[in-house]
């Protein structure tokens, strides 16, 4: 839309909605440029800067079987996103690999693969964790889905070095200590 003033000068007028959109895009660009200033040159530098933030994943999940709390996959992803400001991002996928368990047993198993990338550096940090369930559980989609989520959560936490207290592991550890102590008596 063009508007002319009393002197006959033609100027371009923007509608209020368009002006708000332009203002928001400027804010996004300003925020983006601020974040881009923090992007490091290498994956190692980015991981160091990320670790300096001392980010931890919120324990927002409840395990009723052990009466404990844990960090959900969503909470771990939110914590990992703090690395974006340094050029870090991650991918998680499911692949299949042939594994030899011992001389007589070998199988193709699903693998949860988590990879941390850097926008300027071609090196990566990678974790591969095979899903090892009993045969009946490997035929149960619910059990496989739970295992995939569990493995994604722990590989991501591990690669980013996000602190967590493994309440389930503590429970098992305490049970093992009490049974090992009783065998010594």
N, C-alpha and C. Protein backbone atom coordinates (compact mmCIF):
# COMPACT_ATOMS: atom_id res chain seq x y z
N UNK A 1 0.85 -1.16 0.00
CA UNK A 1 0.00 0.00 0.00
C UNK A 1 0.90 1.23 0.00
N UNK A 2 0.53 2.21 -0.84
CA UNK A 2 1.29 3.45 -0.90
C UNK A 2 0.44 4.58 -0.33
N UNK A 3 1.09 5.47 0.38
CA UNK A 3 0.41 6.62 0.98
C UNK A 3 1.20 7.86 0.59
N UNK A 4 0.48 8.90 0.20
CA UNK A 4 1.19 10.14 -0.10
C UNK A 4 0.87 11.15 0.99
N UNK A 5 1.88 11.91 1.35
CA UNK A 5 1.67 12.94 2.37
C UNK A 5 1.24 14.24 1.70
N UNK A 6 1.10 15.33 2.47
CA UNK A 6 0.58 16.58 1.90
C UNK A 6 1.54 17.21 0.90
N UNK A 7 2.83 16.83 0.94
CA UNK A 7 3.79 17.35 -0.02
C UNK A 7 3.78 16.54 -1.32
N UNK A 8 3.00 15.46 -1.35
CA UNK A 8 2.94 14.63 -2.54
C UNK A 8 3.98 13.52 -2.56
N UNK A 9 4.74 13.36 -1.48
CA UNK A 9 5.73 12.29 -1.41
C UNK A 9 5.02 10.96 -1.17
N UNK A 10 5.39 9.97 -1.95
CA UNK A 10 4.78 8.65 -1.82
C UNK A 10 5.67 7.80 -0.93
N UNK A 11 5.06 7.20 0.09
CA UNK A 11 5.80 6.30 0.98
C UNK A 11 5.07 4.98 1.05
N UNK A 12 5.79 3.96 1.42
CA UNK A 12 5.20 2.63 1.56
C UNK A 12 4.71 2.49 3.00
N UNK A 13 3.45 2.11 3.16
CA UNK A 13 2.90 1.91 4.49
C UNK A 13 2.75 0.42 4.74
N UNK A 14 3.00 0.00 5.95
CA UNK A 14 2.81 -1.40 6.29
C UNK A 14 1.65 -1.53 7.24
N UNK A 15 0.90 -2.56 7.03
CA UNK A 15 -0.24 -2.83 7.90
C UNK A 15 0.28 -3.20 9.28
N UNK A 16 -0.50 -2.95 10.35
CA UNK A 16 -0.04 -3.28 11.71
C UNK A 16 0.36 -4.75 11.86
N UNK A 17 -0.39 -5.67 11.27
CA UNK A 17 -0.07 -7.10 11.40
C UNK A 17 1.27 -7.39 10.73
N UNK A 18 1.51 -6.77 9.58
CA UNK A 18 2.76 -6.98 8.87
C UNK A 18 3.91 -6.39 9.68
N UNK A 19 3.69 -5.24 10.32
CA UNK A 19 4.73 -4.62 11.13
C UNK A 19 5.11 -5.52 12.30
N UNK A 20 4.10 -6.12 12.94
CA UNK A 20 4.39 -7.03 14.06
C UNK A 20 5.22 -8.20 13.58
N UNK A 21 4.88 -8.76 12.42
CA UNK A 21 5.63 -9.88 11.87
C UNK A 21 7.07 -9.48 11.61
N UNK A 22 7.27 -8.29 11.02
CA UNK A 22 8.62 -7.81 10.76
C UNK A 22 9.39 -7.62 12.07
N UNK A 23 8.73 -7.07 13.11
CA UNK A 23 9.38 -6.89 14.40
C UNK A 23 9.81 -8.22 14.98
N UNK A 24 8.91 -9.24 14.90
CA UNK A 24 9.24 -10.57 15.42
C UNK A 24 10.41 -11.17 14.67
N UNK A 25 10.44 -11.01 13.36
CA UNK A 25 11.54 -11.59 12.59
C UNK A 25 12.85 -10.90 12.93
N UNK A 26 12.80 -9.61 13.24
CA UNK A 26 14.01 -8.93 13.67
C UNK A 26 14.48 -9.47 15.01
N UNK A 27 13.54 -9.71 15.93
CA UNK A 27 13.91 -10.27 17.23
C UNK A 27 14.53 -11.65 17.05
N UNK A 28 13.94 -12.47 16.19
CA UNK A 28 14.48 -13.80 15.95
C UNK A 28 15.88 -13.69 15.37
N UNK A 29 16.08 -12.78 14.42
CA UNK A 29 17.40 -12.60 13.84
C UNK A 29 18.39 -12.13 14.90
N UNK A 30 17.97 -11.19 15.78
CA UNK A 30 18.85 -10.72 16.83
C UNK A 30 19.22 -11.87 17.77
N UNK A 31 18.23 -12.67 18.18
CA UNK A 31 18.50 -13.80 19.06
C UNK A 31 19.40 -14.82 18.38
N UNK A 32 19.17 -15.04 17.10
CA UNK A 32 19.97 -15.99 16.36
C UNK A 32 21.41 -15.52 16.28
N UNK A 33 21.61 -14.23 16.01
CA UNK A 33 22.98 -13.73 15.90
C UNK A 33 23.69 -13.82 17.25
N UNK A 34 22.97 -13.60 18.34
CA UNK A 34 23.58 -13.74 19.66
C UNK A 34 24.00 -15.18 19.88
N UNK A 35 23.13 -16.13 19.52
CA UNK A 35 23.47 -17.53 19.70
C UNK A 35 24.61 -17.95 18.79
N UNK A 36 24.64 -17.42 17.56
CA UNK A 36 25.70 -17.79 16.63
C UNK A 36 27.06 -17.34 17.14
N UNK A 37 27.11 -16.30 17.92
CA UNK A 37 28.38 -15.85 18.48
C UNK A 37 28.96 -16.87 19.44
N UNK A 38 28.13 -17.75 20.01
CA UNK A 38 28.60 -18.76 20.95
C UNK A 38 29.02 -20.05 20.26
N UNK A 39 28.70 -20.21 18.98
CA UNK A 39 29.06 -21.43 18.27
C UNK A 39 30.58 -21.55 18.22
N UNK A 40 31.06 -22.70 18.66
CA UNK A 40 32.51 -22.93 18.69
C UNK A 40 32.97 -23.50 17.36
N UNK A 41 34.27 -23.67 17.21
CA UNK A 41 34.82 -24.19 15.96
C UNK A 41 34.90 -25.70 15.91
N UNK A 42 34.93 -26.35 17.08
CA UNK A 42 35.08 -27.81 17.10
C UNK A 42 34.07 -28.45 18.05
N UNK A 43 33.87 -29.72 17.85
CA UNK A 43 32.99 -30.51 18.71
C UNK A 43 33.52 -30.52 20.15
N UNK A 44 34.82 -30.69 20.29
CA UNK A 44 35.41 -30.73 21.64
C UNK A 44 35.21 -29.41 22.39
N UNK A 45 35.42 -28.30 21.70
CA UNK A 45 35.21 -26.98 22.33
C UNK A 45 33.75 -26.80 22.73
N UNK A 46 32.85 -27.25 21.86
CA UNK A 46 31.41 -27.13 22.14
C UNK A 46 31.02 -27.98 23.35
N UNK A 47 31.55 -29.19 23.43
CA UNK A 47 31.24 -30.05 24.57
C UNK A 47 31.77 -29.44 25.87
N UNK A 48 32.95 -28.83 25.80
CA UNK A 48 33.51 -28.17 26.98
C UNK A 48 32.61 -27.03 27.44
N UNK A 49 32.18 -26.19 26.49
CA UNK A 49 31.29 -25.08 26.84
C UNK A 49 29.96 -25.58 27.39
N UNK A 50 29.44 -26.65 26.79
CA UNK A 50 28.18 -27.23 27.28
C UNK A 50 28.35 -27.73 28.72
N UNK A 51 29.45 -28.41 28.99
CA UNK A 51 29.67 -28.95 30.33
C UNK A 51 29.85 -27.85 31.37
N UNK A 52 30.37 -26.71 30.96
CA UNK A 52 30.52 -25.57 31.87
C UNK A 52 29.17 -25.07 32.36
N UNK A 53 28.12 -25.31 31.57
CA UNK A 53 26.78 -24.87 31.98
C UNK A 53 26.23 -25.69 33.15
N UNK A 54 26.79 -26.87 33.36
CA UNK A 54 26.35 -27.78 34.43
C UNK A 54 24.85 -28.06 34.34
N UNK A 55 24.40 -28.38 33.14
CA UNK A 55 22.99 -28.68 32.89
C UNK A 55 22.68 -30.08 33.42
N UNK A 56 21.51 -30.24 33.99
CA UNK A 56 21.05 -31.58 34.38
C UNK A 56 19.62 -31.76 33.91
N UNK A 57 19.25 -33.00 33.70
CA UNK A 57 17.90 -33.32 33.26
C UNK A 57 16.99 -33.40 34.48
N UNK A 58 15.83 -32.78 34.35
CA UNK A 58 14.85 -32.78 35.45
C UNK A 58 14.28 -34.19 35.62
N UNK A 59 14.17 -34.62 36.86
CA UNK A 59 13.55 -35.93 37.14
C UNK A 59 12.04 -35.76 37.16
N UNK A 60 11.42 -36.00 36.02
CA UNK A 60 9.99 -35.77 35.89
C UNK A 60 9.20 -37.07 35.69
N UNK A 61 9.86 -38.20 35.73
CA UNK A 61 9.18 -39.48 35.58
C UNK A 61 9.14 -40.23 36.91
N UNK A 62 8.12 -41.05 37.07
CA UNK A 62 7.97 -41.84 38.31
C UNK A 62 7.98 -43.32 37.98
N UNK A 63 8.74 -44.09 38.75
CA UNK A 63 8.76 -45.54 38.62
C UNK A 63 8.04 -46.11 39.84
N UNK A 64 6.80 -46.54 39.69
CA UNK A 64 6.04 -47.02 40.84
C UNK A 64 6.57 -48.35 41.40
N UNK A 65 7.27 -49.13 40.57
CA UNK A 65 7.77 -50.43 41.02
C UNK A 65 8.89 -50.28 42.05
N UNK A 66 9.72 -49.25 41.88
CA UNK A 66 10.82 -49.02 42.80
C UNK A 66 10.61 -47.78 43.65
N UNK A 67 9.44 -47.15 43.52
CA UNK A 67 9.13 -45.93 44.26
C UNK A 67 10.26 -44.90 44.08
N UNK A 68 10.58 -44.64 42.80
CA UNK A 68 11.69 -43.74 42.51
C UNK A 68 11.32 -42.79 41.37
N UNK A 69 12.15 -41.78 41.18
CA UNK A 69 11.98 -40.81 40.09
C UNK A 69 13.12 -40.98 39.10
N UNK A 70 12.86 -40.59 37.85
CA UNK A 70 13.89 -40.63 36.83
C UNK A 70 13.65 -39.51 35.83
N UNK A 71 14.66 -39.23 35.03
CA UNK A 71 14.53 -38.22 33.98
C UNK A 71 13.94 -38.88 32.75
N UNK A 72 12.83 -38.34 32.26
CA UNK A 72 12.19 -38.88 31.06
C UNK A 72 13.04 -38.53 29.83
N UNK A 73 12.79 -39.21 28.73
CA UNK A 73 13.50 -38.90 27.48
C UNK A 73 13.28 -37.45 27.10
N UNK A 74 12.06 -36.95 27.27
CA UNK A 74 11.76 -35.55 26.93
C UNK A 74 12.61 -34.59 27.77
N UNK A 75 12.77 -34.89 29.04
CA UNK A 75 13.56 -34.04 29.93
C UNK A 75 15.04 -34.07 29.53
N UNK A 76 15.54 -35.23 29.15
CA UNK A 76 16.93 -35.35 28.72
C UNK A 76 17.14 -34.57 27.41
N UNK A 77 16.18 -34.67 26.49
CA UNK A 77 16.27 -33.92 25.23
C UNK A 77 16.28 -32.42 25.50
N UNK A 78 15.42 -31.95 26.40
CA UNK A 78 15.41 -30.52 26.75
C UNK A 78 16.76 -30.07 27.30
N UNK A 79 17.37 -30.89 28.14
CA UNK A 79 18.68 -30.54 28.69
C UNK A 79 19.75 -30.54 27.59
N UNK A 80 19.69 -31.51 26.69
CA UNK A 80 20.67 -31.61 25.61
C UNK A 80 20.58 -30.43 24.66
N UNK A 81 19.39 -29.85 24.51
CA UNK A 81 19.20 -28.71 23.60
C UNK A 81 20.01 -27.48 24.01
N UNK A 82 20.45 -27.41 25.25
CA UNK A 82 21.30 -26.30 25.67
C UNK A 82 22.62 -26.31 24.89
N UNK A 83 22.98 -27.44 24.33
CA UNK A 83 24.19 -27.53 23.51
C UNK A 83 24.04 -26.88 22.15
N UNK A 84 22.80 -26.65 21.71
CA UNK A 84 22.57 -26.03 20.39
C UNK A 84 23.27 -24.68 20.27
N UNK A 85 23.33 -23.92 21.36
CA UNK A 85 23.94 -22.59 21.30
C UNK A 85 25.43 -22.65 20.98
N UNK A 86 26.05 -23.82 21.15
CA UNK A 86 27.47 -23.99 20.86
C UNK A 86 27.70 -24.74 19.54
N UNK A 87 26.60 -25.03 18.83
CA UNK A 87 26.71 -25.73 17.55
C UNK A 87 26.50 -27.23 17.65
N UNK A 88 26.05 -27.71 18.80
CA UNK A 88 25.82 -29.14 18.98
C UNK A 88 24.39 -29.52 18.61
N UNK A 89 24.23 -30.68 18.01
CA UNK A 89 22.92 -31.28 17.79
C UNK A 89 23.10 -32.79 17.78
N UNK A 90 22.02 -33.51 17.94
CA UNK A 90 22.14 -34.97 17.99
C UNK A 90 21.11 -35.64 17.09
N UNK A 91 21.42 -36.88 16.74
CA UNK A 91 20.49 -37.73 16.02
C UNK A 91 20.41 -39.05 16.76
N UNK A 92 19.24 -39.67 16.68
CA UNK A 92 19.06 -40.99 17.27
C UNK A 92 18.29 -41.84 16.27
N UNK A 93 18.81 -43.04 16.00
CA UNK A 93 18.11 -43.92 15.09
C UNK A 93 18.24 -45.37 15.54
N UNK A 94 17.53 -46.20 14.86
CA UNK A 94 17.53 -47.63 15.14
C UNK A 94 18.14 -48.32 13.93
N UNK A 95 19.21 -49.06 14.16
CA UNK A 95 19.84 -49.80 13.09
C UNK A 95 19.88 -51.27 13.50
N UNK A 96 20.38 -52.09 12.61
CA UNK A 96 20.51 -53.52 12.91
C UNK A 96 21.95 -53.92 12.61
N UNK A 97 22.54 -54.70 13.51
CA UNK A 97 23.90 -55.17 13.31
C UNK A 97 24.00 -56.64 13.67
N UNK A 98 24.91 -57.27 13.00
CA UNK A 98 25.20 -58.68 13.27
C UNK A 98 26.19 -58.72 14.42
N UNK A 99 25.84 -59.45 15.48
CA UNK A 99 26.69 -59.54 16.66
C UNK A 99 26.95 -61.00 17.00
N UNK A 100 28.17 -61.27 17.41
CA UNK A 100 28.51 -62.59 17.94
C UNK A 100 28.53 -62.49 19.45
N UNK A 101 27.67 -63.27 20.08
CA UNK A 101 27.58 -63.22 21.55
C UNK A 101 28.66 -64.13 22.14
N UNK A 102 28.82 -65.30 21.60
CA UNK A 102 29.95 -66.17 21.92
C UNK A 102 30.23 -67.00 20.66
N UNK A 103 31.08 -68.01 20.75
CA UNK A 103 31.47 -68.78 19.57
C UNK A 103 30.30 -69.46 18.88
N UNK A 104 29.26 -69.78 19.64
CA UNK A 104 28.16 -70.56 19.07
C UNK A 104 26.90 -69.74 18.79
N UNK A 105 26.78 -68.57 19.38
CA UNK A 105 25.56 -67.78 19.21
C UNK A 105 25.88 -66.47 18.49
N UNK A 106 25.17 -66.22 17.41
CA UNK A 106 25.29 -64.95 16.71
C UNK A 106 23.91 -64.58 16.21
N UNK A 107 23.69 -63.30 16.07
CA UNK A 107 22.36 -62.84 15.69
C UNK A 107 22.42 -61.42 15.15
N UNK A 108 21.41 -61.06 14.39
CA UNK A 108 21.22 -59.68 13.99
C UNK A 108 20.30 -59.05 15.02
N UNK A 109 20.77 -57.98 15.65
CA UNK A 109 19.99 -57.36 16.72
C UNK A 109 19.76 -55.88 16.42
N UNK A 110 18.66 -55.35 16.94
CA UNK A 110 18.44 -53.90 16.80
C UNK A 110 19.39 -53.13 17.71
N UNK A 111 19.88 -52.03 17.19
CA UNK A 111 20.84 -51.19 17.91
C UNK A 111 20.28 -49.77 17.99
N UNK A 112 20.25 -49.19 19.18
CA UNK A 112 19.92 -47.77 19.32
C UNK A 112 21.24 -47.02 19.17
N UNK A 113 21.27 -46.13 18.18
CA UNK A 113 22.48 -45.36 17.89
C UNK A 113 22.19 -43.89 18.14
N UNK A 114 23.01 -43.28 18.99
CA UNK A 114 22.90 -41.86 19.29
C UNK A 114 24.21 -41.20 18.86
N UNK A 115 24.10 -40.11 18.10
CA UNK A 115 25.28 -39.42 17.59
C UNK A 115 25.16 -37.93 17.88
N UNK A 116 26.23 -37.35 18.46
CA UNK A 116 26.31 -35.90 18.65
C UNK A 116 27.16 -35.34 17.51
N UNK A 117 26.60 -34.34 16.84
CA UNK A 117 27.27 -33.68 15.71
C UNK A 117 27.58 -32.23 16.10
N UNK A 118 28.43 -31.60 15.29
CA UNK A 118 28.74 -30.17 15.45
C UNK A 118 28.60 -29.52 14.08
N UNK A 119 28.03 -28.32 14.05
CA UNK A 119 27.75 -27.65 12.78
C UNK A 119 29.00 -27.29 11.98
N UNK A 120 30.14 -27.09 12.62
CA UNK A 120 31.36 -26.69 11.91
C UNK A 120 32.41 -27.79 11.83
N UNK A 121 32.21 -28.86 12.56
CA UNK A 121 33.23 -29.90 12.70
C UNK A 121 32.65 -31.22 12.20
N UNK A 122 33.43 -31.98 11.45
CA UNK A 122 32.91 -33.24 10.92
C UNK A 122 33.04 -34.41 11.90
N UNK A 123 33.77 -34.22 12.99
CA UNK A 123 33.88 -35.31 13.96
C UNK A 123 32.57 -35.46 14.73
N UNK A 124 32.35 -36.66 15.26
CA UNK A 124 31.12 -36.97 16.00
C UNK A 124 31.45 -37.75 17.26
N UNK A 125 30.51 -37.75 18.19
CA UNK A 125 30.53 -38.65 19.35
C UNK A 125 29.39 -39.62 19.13
N UNK A 126 29.65 -40.90 19.29
CA UNK A 126 28.64 -41.90 18.97
C UNK A 126 28.53 -42.96 20.06
N UNK A 127 27.33 -43.39 20.30
CA UNK A 127 27.06 -44.49 21.22
C UNK A 127 26.13 -45.47 20.52
N UNK A 128 26.46 -46.75 20.59
CA UNK A 128 25.61 -47.80 20.04
C UNK A 128 25.30 -48.77 21.17
N UNK A 129 24.02 -49.05 21.36
CA UNK A 129 23.61 -49.95 22.43
C UNK A 129 22.65 -50.99 21.87
N UNK A 130 23.05 -52.27 21.89
CA UNK A 130 22.16 -53.31 21.35
C UNK A 130 20.98 -53.58 22.28
N UNK A 131 19.83 -53.78 21.69
CA UNK A 131 18.64 -54.12 22.47
C UNK A 131 18.66 -55.63 22.68
N UNK A 132 18.93 -56.02 23.89
CA UNK A 132 19.02 -57.44 24.24
C UNK A 132 17.88 -57.79 25.19
N UNK A 133 16.84 -58.37 24.64
CA UNK A 133 15.69 -58.81 25.43
C UNK A 133 15.50 -60.30 25.21
N UNK A 134 14.76 -60.92 26.11
CA UNK A 134 14.44 -62.34 25.92
C UNK A 134 13.60 -62.50 24.65
N UNK A 135 13.60 -63.70 24.09
CA UNK A 135 12.89 -63.94 22.83
C UNK A 135 11.41 -63.55 22.92
N UNK A 136 10.68 -63.91 23.98
CA UNK A 136 9.28 -63.48 24.04
C UNK A 136 9.12 -61.95 24.06
N UNK A 137 10.04 -61.25 24.74
CA UNK A 137 9.96 -59.79 24.78
C UNK A 137 10.33 -59.16 23.44
N UNK A 138 11.20 -59.81 22.67
CA UNK A 138 11.57 -59.30 21.35
C UNK A 138 10.40 -59.41 20.37
N UNK A 139 9.41 -60.21 20.71
CA UNK A 139 8.22 -60.35 19.87
C UNK A 139 7.06 -59.50 20.37
N UNK A 140 7.31 -58.70 21.41
CA UNK A 140 6.29 -57.86 22.01
C UNK A 140 6.60 -56.39 21.69
N UNK A 141 5.82 -55.76 20.79
CA UNK A 141 6.12 -54.37 20.39
C UNK A 141 6.18 -53.40 21.57
N UNK A 142 5.35 -53.59 22.59
CA UNK A 142 5.36 -52.71 23.76
C UNK A 142 6.70 -52.79 24.49
N UNK A 143 7.20 -54.01 24.67
CA UNK A 143 8.50 -54.20 25.36
C UNK A 143 9.64 -53.61 24.53
N UNK A 144 9.58 -53.81 23.22
CA UNK A 144 10.63 -53.26 22.35
C UNK A 144 10.59 -51.73 22.38
N UNK A 145 9.39 -51.16 22.30
CA UNK A 145 9.25 -49.70 22.35
C UNK A 145 9.77 -49.12 23.65
N UNK A 146 9.47 -49.78 24.76
CA UNK A 146 9.97 -49.32 26.07
C UNK A 146 11.49 -49.39 26.11
N UNK A 147 12.06 -50.47 25.57
CA UNK A 147 13.52 -50.62 25.55
C UNK A 147 14.16 -49.54 24.68
N UNK A 148 13.57 -49.24 23.53
CA UNK A 148 14.11 -48.21 22.65
C UNK A 148 14.13 -46.86 23.37
N UNK A 149 13.03 -46.50 24.02
CA UNK A 149 12.96 -45.23 24.76
C UNK A 149 14.01 -45.20 25.87
N UNK A 150 14.11 -46.28 26.61
CA UNK A 150 15.08 -46.39 27.72
C UNK A 150 16.50 -46.22 27.20
N UNK A 151 16.82 -46.91 26.12
CA UNK A 151 18.17 -46.86 25.56
C UNK A 151 18.47 -45.48 24.97
N UNK A 152 17.49 -44.85 24.34
CA UNK A 152 17.69 -43.50 23.81
C UNK A 152 18.01 -42.54 24.95
N UNK A 153 17.26 -42.66 26.03
CA UNK A 153 17.45 -41.77 27.18
C UNK A 153 18.85 -41.92 27.75
N UNK A 154 19.28 -43.14 27.99
CA UNK A 154 20.57 -43.34 28.64
C UNK A 154 21.76 -43.12 27.72
N UNK A 155 21.65 -43.39 26.42
CA UNK A 155 22.77 -43.09 25.52
C UNK A 155 22.93 -41.58 25.37
N UNK A 156 21.82 -40.86 25.31
CA UNK A 156 21.88 -39.40 25.19
C UNK A 156 22.46 -38.78 26.46
N UNK A 157 22.01 -39.25 27.61
CA UNK A 157 22.55 -38.75 28.88
C UNK A 157 24.04 -39.03 28.98
N UNK A 158 24.42 -40.21 28.55
CA UNK A 158 25.82 -40.61 28.64
C UNK A 158 26.71 -39.76 27.74
N UNK A 159 26.32 -39.58 26.49
CA UNK A 159 27.15 -38.81 25.56
C UNK A 159 27.29 -37.35 25.98
N UNK A 160 26.21 -36.76 26.48
CA UNK A 160 26.27 -35.36 26.90
C UNK A 160 26.83 -35.21 28.32
N UNK A 161 27.01 -36.31 29.02
CA UNK A 161 27.51 -36.23 30.39
C UNK A 161 26.53 -35.60 31.34
N UNK A 162 25.23 -35.79 31.07
CA UNK A 162 24.20 -35.21 31.93
C UNK A 162 24.11 -36.01 33.23
N UNK A 163 24.20 -35.35 34.36
CA UNK A 163 24.14 -36.09 35.62
C UNK A 163 22.76 -36.68 35.86
N UNK A 164 22.76 -37.87 36.40
CA UNK A 164 21.51 -38.50 36.82
C UNK A 164 21.84 -39.51 37.89
N UNK A 165 20.88 -39.72 38.72
CA UNK A 165 21.01 -40.75 39.73
C UNK A 165 20.15 -41.90 39.29
N UNK A 166 20.74 -43.05 39.08
CA UNK A 166 20.01 -44.22 38.61
C UNK A 166 19.36 -44.89 39.81
N UNK A 167 18.15 -44.44 40.12
CA UNK A 167 17.45 -44.98 41.27
C UNK A 167 17.23 -46.49 41.15
N UNK A 168 16.92 -46.95 39.92
CA UNK A 168 16.72 -48.38 39.72
C UNK A 168 18.02 -49.13 40.02
N UNK A 169 19.15 -48.58 39.55
CA UNK A 169 20.44 -49.20 39.79
C UNK A 169 20.78 -49.21 41.28
N UNK A 170 20.42 -48.14 41.98
CA UNK A 170 20.66 -48.09 43.42
C UNK A 170 19.87 -49.17 44.13
N UNK A 171 18.64 -49.40 43.69
CA UNK A 171 17.80 -50.43 44.30
C UNK A 171 18.45 -51.80 44.12
N UNK A 172 18.89 -52.10 42.91
CA UNK A 172 19.51 -53.38 42.63
C UNK A 172 20.81 -53.51 43.41
N UNK A 173 21.59 -52.43 43.45
CA UNK A 173 22.85 -52.43 44.17
C UNK A 173 22.61 -52.71 45.65
N UNK A 174 21.61 -52.07 46.25
CA UNK A 174 21.30 -52.30 47.66
C UNK A 174 20.87 -53.73 47.91
N UNK A 175 20.09 -54.31 46.98
CA UNK A 175 19.67 -55.70 47.12
C UNK A 175 20.87 -56.63 47.05
N UNK A 176 21.81 -56.34 46.14
CA UNK A 176 23.01 -57.17 46.01
C UNK A 176 23.89 -57.06 47.24
N UNK A 177 24.01 -55.85 47.81
CA UNK A 177 24.82 -55.67 49.02
C UNK A 177 24.24 -56.47 50.18
N UNK A 178 22.92 -56.40 50.34
CA UNK A 178 22.32 -57.11 51.47
C UNK A 178 22.45 -58.62 51.28
N UNK A 179 22.32 -59.12 50.05
CA UNK A 179 22.46 -60.56 49.85
C UNK A 179 23.91 -60.99 49.96
N UNK A 180 24.87 -60.13 49.52
CA UNK A 180 26.28 -60.50 49.63
C UNK A 180 26.73 -60.41 51.09
N UNK A 181 26.20 -59.46 51.84
CA UNK A 181 26.56 -59.35 53.25
C UNK A 181 26.04 -60.55 54.03
N UNK A 182 24.86 -61.04 53.68
CA UNK A 182 24.30 -62.17 54.42
C UNK A 182 25.08 -63.44 54.10
N UNK A 183 25.70 -63.54 52.93
CA UNK A 183 26.46 -64.75 52.62
C UNK A 183 27.78 -64.79 53.36
N UNK A 184 28.27 -63.64 53.81
CA UNK A 184 29.53 -63.59 54.54
C UNK A 184 29.37 -63.92 56.01
N UNK A 185 28.13 -63.89 56.49
CA UNK A 185 27.91 -64.11 57.92
C UNK A 185 27.88 -65.55 58.25
